[in-house]
N, C-alpha and C. Protein backbone atom coordinates (compact mmCIF):
# COMPACT_ATOMS: atom_id res chain seq x y z
N MET A 1 5.26 -11.22 8.72
CA MET A 1 5.74 -9.81 9.03
C MET A 1 7.14 -9.74 9.68
N LYS A 2 8.19 -8.91 9.07
CA LYS A 2 9.45 -8.84 9.39
C LYS A 2 9.77 -7.32 10.18
N PRO A 3 9.81 -6.96 10.98
CA PRO A 3 9.71 -5.36 11.49
C PRO A 3 10.96 -4.87 11.03
N VAL A 4 11.03 -3.86 10.46
CA VAL A 4 11.68 -3.06 9.72
C VAL A 4 11.72 -1.59 10.26
N LYS A 5 12.86 -0.92 10.92
CA LYS A 5 12.71 0.45 11.33
C LYS A 5 13.09 1.33 10.28
N GLN A 6 12.61 2.59 10.21
CA GLN A 6 12.64 3.63 9.03
C GLN A 6 14.08 4.08 9.39
N ARG A 7 14.77 5.00 8.48
CA ARG A 7 16.09 5.41 8.55
C ARG A 7 15.85 7.14 8.70
N TYR A 8 14.81 7.45 8.03
CA TYR A 8 14.67 9.06 8.04
C TYR A 8 13.16 9.42 8.69
N GLY A 9 13.20 10.53 9.46
CA GLY A 9 12.46 11.08 10.21
C GLY A 9 11.90 12.49 9.37
N SER A 10 10.76 12.75 9.63
CA SER A 10 10.12 13.93 8.95
C SER A 10 10.87 15.16 9.62
N SER A 11 11.63 15.04 10.27
CA SER A 11 12.04 16.37 11.05
C SER A 11 13.44 16.33 10.54
N ASP A 12 14.10 15.46 9.82
CA ASP A 12 15.21 15.46 8.97
C ASP A 12 15.17 16.88 8.38
N SER A 13 16.26 17.73 8.43
CA SER A 13 16.33 18.81 8.00
C SER A 13 16.43 19.04 6.37
N LYS A 14 16.58 17.96 5.66
CA LYS A 14 16.73 17.86 4.40
C LYS A 14 15.38 17.24 3.57
N LEU A 15 14.79 16.76 4.48
CA LEU A 15 13.54 15.93 4.14
C LEU A 15 12.13 16.42 4.38
N GLU A 16 11.27 16.62 3.48
CA GLU A 16 10.08 16.81 3.80
C GLU A 16 9.01 15.48 4.51
N PHE A 17 9.29 14.34 3.83
CA PHE A 17 8.78 13.02 4.49
C PHE A 17 9.73 12.12 4.81
N GLY A 18 9.44 11.58 6.00
CA GLY A 18 10.53 10.18 6.72
C GLY A 18 10.02 9.31 5.58
N ASP A 19 10.66 8.18 6.07
CA ASP A 19 10.17 6.91 5.31
C ASP A 19 9.69 5.88 6.29
N CYS A 20 8.66 6.17 6.89
CA CYS A 20 7.90 5.39 7.58
C CYS A 20 7.13 4.06 6.50
N LEU A 21 6.90 4.87 5.80
CA LEU A 21 5.80 3.94 4.45
C LEU A 21 6.62 2.82 3.99
N ARG A 22 7.81 3.45 3.51
CA ARG A 22 8.92 2.48 3.08
C ARG A 22 9.26 1.61 4.08
N ALA A 23 9.15 1.68 5.25
CA ALA A 23 9.55 0.66 6.48
C ALA A 23 8.61 -0.09 6.63
N CYS A 24 7.45 0.11 6.59
CA CYS A 24 6.21 -0.34 6.56
C CYS A 24 6.00 -1.29 5.57
N ILE A 25 6.06 -1.20 4.26
CA ILE A 25 6.22 -2.07 2.92
C ILE A 25 7.43 -2.93 3.27
N ALA A 26 8.50 -2.58 3.78
CA ALA A 26 9.65 -3.75 3.59
C ALA A 26 9.36 -4.65 4.99
N SER A 27 8.26 -4.19 6.01
CA SER A 27 8.10 -4.89 7.12
C SER A 27 7.33 -6.00 6.79
N VAL A 28 6.23 -5.66 5.76
CA VAL A 28 5.03 -6.70 5.53
C VAL A 28 5.44 -7.50 4.38
N LEU A 29 6.46 -7.05 3.78
CA LEU A 29 6.70 -7.91 2.43
C LEU A 29 8.13 -8.94 2.89
N GLU A 30 8.52 -8.20 4.10
CA GLU A 30 9.88 -8.85 4.52
C GLU A 30 10.95 -9.06 3.64
N LEU A 31 11.31 -7.60 3.19
CA LEU A 31 12.46 -7.12 2.57
C LEU A 31 13.29 -6.32 3.39
N PRO A 32 14.63 -6.13 3.06
CA PRO A 32 15.46 -5.39 3.74
C PRO A 32 14.87 -4.02 3.28
N LEU A 33 15.27 -2.93 4.19
CA LEU A 33 14.67 -1.52 3.78
C LEU A 33 15.11 -0.95 2.35
N ASP A 34 16.64 -1.18 2.37
CA ASP A 34 17.19 -0.66 1.20
C ASP A 34 16.40 -1.29 -0.33
N ASP A 35 15.66 -2.41 -0.18
CA ASP A 35 15.40 -2.92 -1.53
C ASP A 35 13.77 -2.20 -1.73
N VAL A 36 13.28 -1.39 -0.58
CA VAL A 36 12.37 -0.76 -1.23
C VAL A 36 12.52 0.97 -1.38
N PRO A 37 12.02 1.43 -2.35
CA PRO A 37 12.16 2.99 -2.83
C PRO A 37 11.58 3.97 -1.90
N HIS A 38 12.16 4.75 -1.84
CA HIS A 38 11.53 5.79 -0.96
C HIS A 38 10.60 6.80 -1.66
N PHE A 39 9.58 6.04 -1.89
CA PHE A 39 8.58 7.02 -3.23
C PHE A 39 8.41 8.35 -3.01
N THR A 40 7.97 8.60 -1.81
CA THR A 40 7.53 10.06 -1.54
C THR A 40 8.73 11.24 -1.61
N TRP A 41 9.93 10.39 -1.03
CA TRP A 41 11.00 11.07 -0.78
C TRP A 41 11.67 11.90 -2.32
N GLY A 42 11.36 10.57 -3.14
CA GLY A 42 11.93 10.86 -4.28
C GLY A 42 11.08 11.98 -5.19
N ALA A 43 9.77 11.76 -4.89
CA ALA A 43 8.87 12.91 -5.72
C ALA A 43 8.90 14.18 -5.26
N MET A 44 8.90 14.33 -4.09
CA MET A 44 9.19 15.49 -3.41
C MET A 44 10.51 16.25 -3.30
N ALA A 45 11.42 15.57 -3.05
CA ALA A 45 12.81 16.34 -3.32
C ALA A 45 13.08 16.77 -4.60
N GLU A 46 12.65 16.04 -5.43
CA GLU A 46 12.80 16.21 -7.00
C GLU A 46 12.15 17.55 -7.50
N ARG A 47 10.95 17.88 -6.69
CA ARG A 47 9.94 18.91 -6.97
C ARG A 47 9.30 18.75 -8.60
N HIS A 48 9.42 17.91 -9.12
CA HIS A 48 8.70 17.89 -10.40
C HIS A 48 7.70 16.92 -10.58
N ALA A 49 7.50 16.14 -9.60
CA ALA A 49 6.58 14.90 -9.25
C ALA A 49 5.57 15.28 -8.15
N THR A 50 4.28 14.80 -8.57
CA THR A 50 3.49 15.25 -7.22
C THR A 50 3.12 13.95 -6.43
N VAL A 51 2.50 13.84 -5.37
CA VAL A 51 2.47 12.58 -4.70
C VAL A 51 1.34 11.96 -5.18
N ARG A 52 0.52 12.02 -6.13
CA ARG A 52 -0.09 11.18 -6.86
C ARG A 52 0.95 10.37 -7.80
N GLU A 53 1.83 11.03 -8.32
CA GLU A 53 2.91 10.39 -9.25
C GLU A 53 3.74 9.35 -8.46
N ALA A 54 3.81 9.63 -6.92
CA ALA A 54 4.65 8.85 -6.38
C ALA A 54 3.86 7.58 -5.76
N TRP A 55 2.50 7.79 -5.64
CA TRP A 55 1.61 6.44 -5.40
C TRP A 55 1.66 5.96 -6.71
N GLY A 56 1.53 6.22 -7.86
CA GLY A 56 1.84 5.51 -9.20
C GLY A 56 2.80 4.92 -9.51
N SER A 57 3.98 5.24 -8.67
CA SER A 57 5.34 4.44 -8.91
C SER A 57 5.44 3.70 -7.94
N LEU A 58 4.72 3.75 -6.66
CA LEU A 58 4.79 2.61 -5.87
C LEU A 58 3.84 1.38 -6.23
N ARG A 59 2.66 1.70 -6.96
CA ARG A 59 1.85 0.65 -7.70
C ARG A 59 2.66 0.20 -8.57
N MET A 60 3.36 0.74 -9.56
CA MET A 60 4.00 0.05 -10.44
C MET A 60 5.10 -0.86 -9.96
N TRP A 61 5.84 -0.58 -8.98
CA TRP A 61 6.95 -1.30 -8.26
C TRP A 61 6.39 -2.36 -7.59
N LEU A 62 5.15 -2.48 -7.14
CA LEU A 62 4.59 -3.55 -6.65
C LEU A 62 3.92 -4.39 -7.61
N ARG A 63 3.55 -3.89 -8.63
CA ARG A 63 2.89 -4.71 -9.99
C ARG A 63 4.19 -5.53 -10.47
N ALA A 64 5.43 -4.93 -10.52
CA ALA A 64 6.61 -5.68 -11.00
C ALA A 64 7.08 -6.83 -10.38
N ARG A 65 6.42 -6.80 -9.05
CA ARG A 65 6.27 -7.88 -8.16
C ARG A 65 5.29 -8.77 -7.85
N ASN A 66 4.25 -8.76 -8.59
CA ASN A 66 2.96 -9.46 -8.90
C ASN A 66 2.11 -9.09 -7.34
N ILE A 67 2.20 -7.76 -7.20
CA ILE A 67 1.52 -7.59 -5.72
C ILE A 67 0.68 -6.52 -6.16
N GLY A 68 -0.53 -6.51 -5.61
CA GLY A 68 -1.83 -5.33 -6.01
C GLY A 68 -1.64 -4.74 -4.77
N LEU A 69 -1.77 -3.36 -4.77
CA LEU A 69 -2.03 -2.40 -3.58
C LEU A 69 -3.86 -1.77 -3.65
N LEU A 70 -3.82 -2.21 -2.41
CA LEU A 70 -5.52 -1.89 -2.35
C LEU A 70 -5.63 -1.04 -1.16
N THR A 71 -6.54 0.43 -1.40
CA THR A 71 -6.58 1.19 -0.41
C THR A 71 -7.90 1.28 0.17
N TYR A 72 -7.93 1.77 1.44
CA TYR A 72 -9.46 1.81 2.13
C TYR A 72 -9.40 2.98 2.99
N ASP A 73 -10.47 3.79 2.47
CA ASP A 73 -10.67 5.07 3.23
C ASP A 73 -11.47 4.51 4.46
N ILE A 74 -10.86 4.93 5.64
CA ILE A 74 -11.66 4.50 7.03
C ILE A 74 -12.73 5.34 7.52
N PRO A 75 -13.86 5.16 7.64
CA PRO A 75 -14.52 6.40 7.92
C PRO A 75 -14.52 6.10 9.61
N CYS A 76 -13.50 6.53 9.95
CA CYS A 76 -13.69 6.40 11.62
C CYS A 76 -12.91 7.57 11.98
N SER A 77 -13.14 8.45 13.31
CA SER A 77 -12.36 9.50 13.87
C SER A 77 -11.18 9.16 15.01
N THR A 78 -11.11 8.12 15.61
CA THR A 78 -10.35 8.03 16.54
C THR A 78 -9.54 6.76 15.97
N LEU A 79 -8.49 6.30 16.76
CA LEU A 79 -7.58 5.04 16.67
C LEU A 79 -8.15 4.07 16.83
N PRO A 80 -8.53 3.83 17.89
CA PRO A 80 -9.53 2.68 18.47
C PRO A 80 -10.36 2.23 17.35
N GLU A 81 -11.25 3.27 16.79
CA GLU A 81 -12.35 2.79 15.62
C GLU A 81 -11.60 2.30 14.77
N ALA A 82 -10.69 2.99 14.39
CA ALA A 82 -9.80 2.63 12.94
C ALA A 82 -9.43 1.49 13.05
N LEU A 83 -8.82 0.73 14.20
CA LEU A 83 -8.20 -0.59 14.17
C LEU A 83 -9.36 -1.61 14.32
N ALA A 84 -10.45 -1.35 15.04
CA ALA A 84 -11.78 -2.18 15.15
C ALA A 84 -12.24 -2.27 13.91
N TRP A 85 -12.25 -1.08 12.90
CA TRP A 85 -12.78 -1.57 11.59
C TRP A 85 -12.03 -2.30 10.82
N CYS A 86 -10.93 -2.16 10.50
CA CYS A 86 -9.88 -3.10 10.01
C CYS A 86 -9.73 -4.47 10.36
N HIS A 87 -9.86 -4.88 11.73
CA HIS A 87 -9.92 -5.93 12.43
C HIS A 87 -11.16 -6.61 11.59
N LEU A 88 -12.38 -5.85 11.75
CA LEU A 88 -13.57 -6.67 11.31
C LEU A 88 -13.55 -6.98 9.87
N ARG A 89 -12.82 -6.11 9.18
CA ARG A 89 -13.06 -6.53 7.53
C ARG A 89 -11.81 -7.15 7.01
N ASN A 90 -10.82 -7.41 7.91
CA ASN A 90 -9.44 -8.14 7.31
C ASN A 90 -8.80 -8.65 8.73
N PRO A 91 -9.45 -9.56 9.05
CA PRO A 91 -8.86 -10.21 10.77
C PRO A 91 -7.69 -11.03 10.78
N ASP A 92 -7.27 -11.58 9.53
CA ASP A 92 -5.90 -12.20 9.36
C ASP A 92 -4.86 -11.39 8.59
N ALA A 93 -5.03 -10.25 7.84
CA ALA A 93 -4.12 -9.58 7.17
C ALA A 93 -3.22 -8.65 7.97
N HIS A 94 -1.97 -8.53 7.66
CA HIS A 94 -1.22 -7.47 8.09
C HIS A 94 -1.52 -6.41 7.00
N LEU A 95 -2.05 -5.09 7.65
CA LEU A 95 -2.18 -3.78 7.20
C LEU A 95 -1.36 -2.75 7.34
N ILE A 96 -1.33 -1.61 6.41
CA ILE A 96 -0.58 -0.64 6.62
C ILE A 96 -1.64 0.48 7.15
N LEU A 97 -1.64 1.03 8.19
CA LEU A 97 -2.58 2.14 8.58
C LEU A 97 -1.94 3.41 8.59
N GLY A 98 -2.70 4.27 7.87
CA GLY A 98 -2.01 5.63 8.00
C GLY A 98 -3.03 6.72 8.66
N GLY A 99 -2.41 7.56 9.06
CA GLY A 99 -3.14 9.00 9.94
C GLY A 99 -2.30 10.08 10.04
N MET A 100 -2.26 10.64 11.32
CA MET A 100 -1.60 11.65 11.77
C MET A 100 -0.49 10.99 12.70
N GLY A 101 1.02 11.43 12.88
CA GLY A 101 1.73 11.19 13.71
C GLY A 101 1.34 12.10 14.87
N ARG A 102 2.15 12.17 16.14
CA ARG A 102 2.32 12.76 17.41
C ARG A 102 2.63 14.22 16.84
N GLY A 103 3.36 14.40 15.81
CA GLY A 103 3.92 15.69 15.42
C GLY A 103 2.99 16.56 14.51
N GLY A 104 1.75 16.00 14.25
CA GLY A 104 1.06 16.56 13.19
C GLY A 104 1.34 16.23 11.90
N GLN A 105 1.92 15.32 11.62
CA GLN A 105 2.50 14.95 10.19
C GLN A 105 1.86 13.69 9.87
N GLY A 106 1.77 13.46 8.51
CA GLY A 106 1.46 11.94 8.24
C GLY A 106 2.28 10.66 8.63
N HIS A 107 1.70 9.83 9.14
CA HIS A 107 2.53 8.59 9.61
C HIS A 107 1.75 7.26 9.39
N VAL A 108 2.42 6.16 9.09
CA VAL A 108 1.83 4.92 8.90
C VAL A 108 2.35 3.91 10.07
N CYS A 109 1.80 2.77 10.15
CA CYS A 109 2.32 1.95 11.30
C CYS A 109 1.76 0.46 10.69
N VAL A 110 2.06 -1.06 11.19
CA VAL A 110 1.49 -1.82 10.61
C VAL A 110 0.81 -2.50 11.63
N ILE A 111 -0.45 -2.96 11.14
CA ILE A 111 -1.39 -3.30 12.29
C ILE A 111 -2.15 -4.92 11.68
N HIS A 112 -2.18 -5.58 12.84
CA HIS A 112 -2.78 -6.84 12.68
C HIS A 112 -3.71 -7.22 13.83
N LYS A 113 -4.55 -7.98 13.56
CA LYS A 113 -5.92 -8.19 14.32
C LYS A 113 -6.31 -7.29 15.42
N GLY A 114 -6.37 -6.05 14.72
CA GLY A 114 -7.02 -4.75 15.78
C GLY A 114 -5.79 -3.83 16.59
N ALA A 115 -4.48 -4.29 16.27
CA ALA A 115 -3.64 -3.78 17.13
C ALA A 115 -2.49 -3.28 16.46
N ILE A 116 -1.91 -2.29 16.82
CA ILE A 116 -0.63 -2.19 16.11
C ILE A 116 0.51 -2.66 16.59
N VAL A 117 1.22 -3.58 15.33
CA VAL A 117 2.32 -4.62 15.59
C VAL A 117 3.67 -4.17 15.57
N HIS A 118 3.82 -3.09 14.63
CA HIS A 118 5.00 -2.41 14.36
C HIS A 118 5.04 -1.01 14.00
N GLU A 119 5.64 -0.25 15.03
CA GLU A 119 5.65 1.24 14.86
C GLU A 119 7.02 1.10 14.29
N PRO A 120 7.47 1.74 13.13
CA PRO A 120 8.32 2.04 12.16
C PRO A 120 9.63 3.13 12.77
N THR A 121 9.07 4.00 13.67
CA THR A 121 10.11 4.91 14.03
C THR A 121 11.27 4.44 14.51
N PRO A 122 12.21 4.79 14.70
CA PRO A 122 13.76 4.45 15.22
C PRO A 122 13.59 4.20 16.75
N ARG A 123 12.83 5.35 17.46
CA ARG A 123 13.11 5.18 19.00
C ARG A 123 12.62 3.87 19.69
N GLY A 124 11.61 3.05 18.81
CA GLY A 124 11.38 1.81 19.49
C GLY A 124 9.84 1.93 19.74
N ASP A 125 9.12 0.73 19.74
CA ASP A 125 7.86 0.73 20.26
C ASP A 125 7.53 0.74 21.82
N ASP A 126 8.47 1.26 22.46
CA ASP A 126 8.60 0.94 24.06
C ASP A 126 7.76 2.44 24.46
N ASP A 127 7.68 3.45 23.43
CA ASP A 127 7.18 4.88 23.55
C ASP A 127 5.75 4.85 23.25
N GLY A 128 5.32 3.71 22.71
CA GLY A 128 3.94 3.80 22.28
C GLY A 128 3.85 4.15 20.78
N PRO A 129 2.56 3.78 20.26
CA PRO A 129 2.60 4.15 18.94
C PRO A 129 2.81 5.45 18.63
N SER A 130 3.01 5.96 17.34
CA SER A 130 3.07 7.63 16.92
C SER A 130 1.90 7.75 16.27
N LEU A 131 1.23 6.82 15.81
CA LEU A 131 -0.02 7.09 15.19
C LEU A 131 -1.16 7.45 16.16
N VAL A 132 -1.62 8.78 16.28
CA VAL A 132 -2.62 9.10 17.04
C VAL A 132 -4.00 9.53 16.53
N GLY A 133 -4.22 9.95 15.40
CA GLY A 133 -5.32 10.40 14.96
C GLY A 133 -5.42 10.27 13.25
N PRO A 134 -6.76 10.62 12.71
CA PRO A 134 -7.01 10.82 11.21
C PRO A 134 -5.81 11.47 10.54
N ALA A 135 -5.53 11.37 9.31
CA ALA A 135 -4.37 11.78 8.66
C ALA A 135 -4.89 13.72 8.57
N PRO A 136 -3.77 14.50 8.69
CA PRO A 136 -4.12 15.84 8.93
C PRO A 136 -4.32 16.68 7.60
N ASP A 137 -3.91 16.20 6.35
CA ASP A 137 -4.19 17.15 5.28
C ASP A 137 -3.87 15.93 4.25
N GLY A 138 -4.17 16.49 2.82
CA GLY A 138 -4.17 15.87 1.58
C GLY A 138 -5.53 15.06 1.39
N ASP A 139 -5.59 14.18 0.56
CA ASP A 139 -6.75 13.41 -0.18
C ASP A 139 -7.39 12.63 0.88
N TRP A 140 -6.52 12.31 2.45
CA TRP A 140 -7.28 11.55 3.26
C TRP A 140 -7.31 12.76 4.35
N ALA A 141 -7.73 13.90 4.36
CA ALA A 141 -7.82 14.53 5.44
C ALA A 141 -8.66 14.38 6.30
N GLY A 142 -8.79 14.19 7.62
CA GLY A 142 -9.58 13.71 8.22
C GLY A 142 -10.01 12.51 8.48
N LYS A 143 -9.46 11.49 7.93
CA LYS A 143 -9.67 9.98 7.82
C LYS A 143 -8.42 9.24 7.91
N PHE A 144 -8.33 8.10 8.15
CA PHE A 144 -7.53 6.94 8.26
C PHE A 144 -7.62 6.41 6.98
N VAL A 145 -6.43 5.87 6.60
CA VAL A 145 -6.16 4.95 5.44
C VAL A 145 -5.73 3.73 5.62
N ALA A 146 -6.23 2.90 4.96
CA ALA A 146 -5.28 1.26 5.42
C ALA A 146 -5.05 0.96 3.92
N LEU A 147 -3.77 0.13 3.83
CA LEU A 147 -3.08 -0.15 2.56
C LEU A 147 -3.30 -1.96 2.86
N ALA A 148 -3.45 -2.39 1.93
CA ALA A 148 -3.38 -3.97 1.98
C ALA A 148 -2.72 -4.29 0.81
N PHE A 149 -2.26 -5.34 0.54
CA PHE A 149 -1.44 -5.90 -0.51
C PHE A 149 -2.16 -7.33 -0.95
N GLU A 150 -1.93 -7.49 -2.17
CA GLU A 150 -2.71 -8.48 -2.90
C GLU A 150 -1.67 -9.26 -3.76
N TYR A 151 -1.56 -10.78 -3.59
CA TYR A 151 -0.61 -11.28 -4.65
C TYR A 151 -1.56 -11.13 -5.84
N ARG A 152 -1.04 -11.18 -6.92
CA ARG A 152 -1.69 -11.33 -8.43
C ARG A 152 -0.66 -12.03 -9.26
N PRO A 153 -1.04 -13.34 -9.43
CA PRO A 153 -0.26 -14.19 -10.24
C PRO A 153 -0.07 -13.65 -11.37
N THR A 154 1.02 -14.20 -12.22
CA THR A 154 1.10 -13.50 -13.79
C THR A 154 0.08 -14.55 -14.57
N THR A 155 -0.46 -13.88 -15.45
CA THR A 155 -0.90 -14.20 -16.67
C THR A 155 -0.26 -14.80 -17.89
N PRO A 156 -0.48 -16.12 -18.25
CA PRO A 156 0.15 -16.54 -19.63
C PRO A 156 -0.28 -15.78 -20.76
N LYS A 157 1.13 -15.55 -21.39
CA LYS A 157 0.82 -15.10 -22.66
C LYS A 157 1.06 -15.93 -23.67
N ASP A 158 0.31 -15.71 -25.03
CA ASP A 158 0.73 -16.33 -26.12
C ASP A 158 1.91 -15.58 -27.03
N ASN A 159 2.23 -16.10 -27.97
CA ASN A 159 3.51 -15.34 -28.64
C ASN A 159 3.39 -14.06 -29.12
N SER A 160 1.92 -13.44 -29.30
CA SER A 160 1.84 -12.09 -29.99
C SER A 160 1.90 -11.18 -28.65
N GLY A 161 1.96 -11.70 -27.54
CA GLY A 161 1.66 -10.68 -26.30
C GLY A 161 0.39 -10.58 -25.69
N LEU A 162 -0.66 -11.30 -26.54
CA LEU A 162 -2.29 -10.96 -26.07
C LEU A 162 -2.38 -11.91 -24.71
N LEU A 163 -3.25 -12.24 -24.06
CA LEU A 163 -3.53 -12.84 -22.92
C LEU A 163 -3.93 -14.14 -23.56
N GLY A 164 -3.47 -15.23 -22.86
CA GLY A 164 -3.62 -16.59 -22.91
C GLY A 164 -5.05 -16.95 -22.70
N VAL A 165 -5.80 -17.70 -23.43
CA VAL A 165 -7.20 -17.74 -23.05
C VAL A 165 -7.43 -19.41 -23.31
N SER A 166 -7.96 -20.22 -22.52
CA SER A 166 -8.13 -21.57 -22.74
C SER A 166 -9.30 -21.72 -23.19
N THR A 167 -9.91 -22.41 -23.97
CA THR A 167 -11.38 -22.74 -24.38
C THR A 167 -11.52 -24.25 -23.56
N GLN A 168 -10.86 -24.64 -23.06
CA GLN A 168 -10.95 -26.12 -22.39
C GLN A 168 -12.31 -26.00 -21.37
N GLY A 169 -13.38 -27.08 -21.76
CA GLY A 169 -14.44 -26.79 -20.93
C GLY A 169 -15.63 -25.87 -21.48
N VAL A 170 -15.11 -24.95 -22.32
CA VAL A 170 -16.20 -24.21 -22.45
C VAL A 170 -16.82 -24.47 -24.11
N GLU A 171 -18.10 -24.29 -24.17
CA GLU A 171 -18.62 -24.86 -25.44
C GLU A 171 -18.64 -23.52 -26.68
N VAL A 172 -18.05 -23.86 -27.60
CA VAL A 172 -17.87 -22.63 -28.30
C VAL A 172 -18.87 -22.42 -29.58
N PRO A 173 -19.89 -21.75 -29.99
CA PRO A 173 -20.89 -22.06 -30.87
C PRO A 173 -20.31 -21.77 -31.94
N PRO A 174 -21.04 -22.76 -33.11
CA PRO A 174 -20.44 -23.02 -34.37
C PRO A 174 -20.42 -21.70 -35.23
N ALA A 175 -19.41 -21.54 -36.07
CA ALA A 175 -19.33 -20.28 -36.93
C ALA A 175 -20.74 -19.91 -37.82
N PRO A 176 -20.91 -18.60 -37.79
CA PRO A 176 -22.39 -18.31 -38.39
C PRO A 176 -22.61 -18.68 -39.74
N ASP A 177 -23.69 -19.06 -40.60
CA ASP A 177 -23.80 -19.32 -41.86
C ASP A 177 -23.81 -18.09 -42.56
N PHE A 178 -23.31 -17.50 -43.35
CA PHE A 178 -23.24 -16.52 -44.30
C PHE A 178 -23.61 -16.86 -45.63
N SER A 179 -24.11 -17.96 -45.94
CA SER A 179 -24.35 -18.66 -47.32
C SER A 179 -25.39 -17.41 -47.97
N ILE A 180 -26.22 -16.89 -47.13
CA ILE A 180 -27.39 -16.05 -47.79
C ILE A 180 -26.65 -14.94 -48.24
N LEU A 181 -25.63 -14.65 -48.02
CA LEU A 181 -24.82 -13.29 -48.75
C LEU A 181 -24.11 -13.79 -50.06
N ASP A 182 -24.24 -14.95 -50.27
CA ASP A 182 -23.42 -14.98 -51.72
C ASP A 182 -24.39 -14.71 -52.69
């Protein structure tokens, strides 16, 4: 994990959403901020896409890099409970934990081993985490959500675009006898 700070806050006059999610994705994947699209900003600024479509765009962007996105609804009502829940189930993974920020808006941070290890807001980690409670609204209202990345290697394909399947070590039954149909 390589910490990357967000560029925009949700209080910026032109934006409905800051780019904390983009900064956390860049941090966990160790990419520069500009290499990760601002999925929610594009969806909401254009006013023609939904948040669900923004999540779909995020999944497609990750898939192109052989990365899967796993989301977990966390059945906890406090930040310490959510951190403990994530640590118990994913003790060694860097996860992105989402909930409510200090200003009452949605916010995410990077967590590892039961602690927030990266606060993406520009003011710095010295002010403490901006994540203070469960999500204020949307599909995860009243809950925390954890995002995990999973490497998914490519599958070889044959010339027709079908998945390549190896039968090495597999016993293939003989073809059926259709002679009685003659």
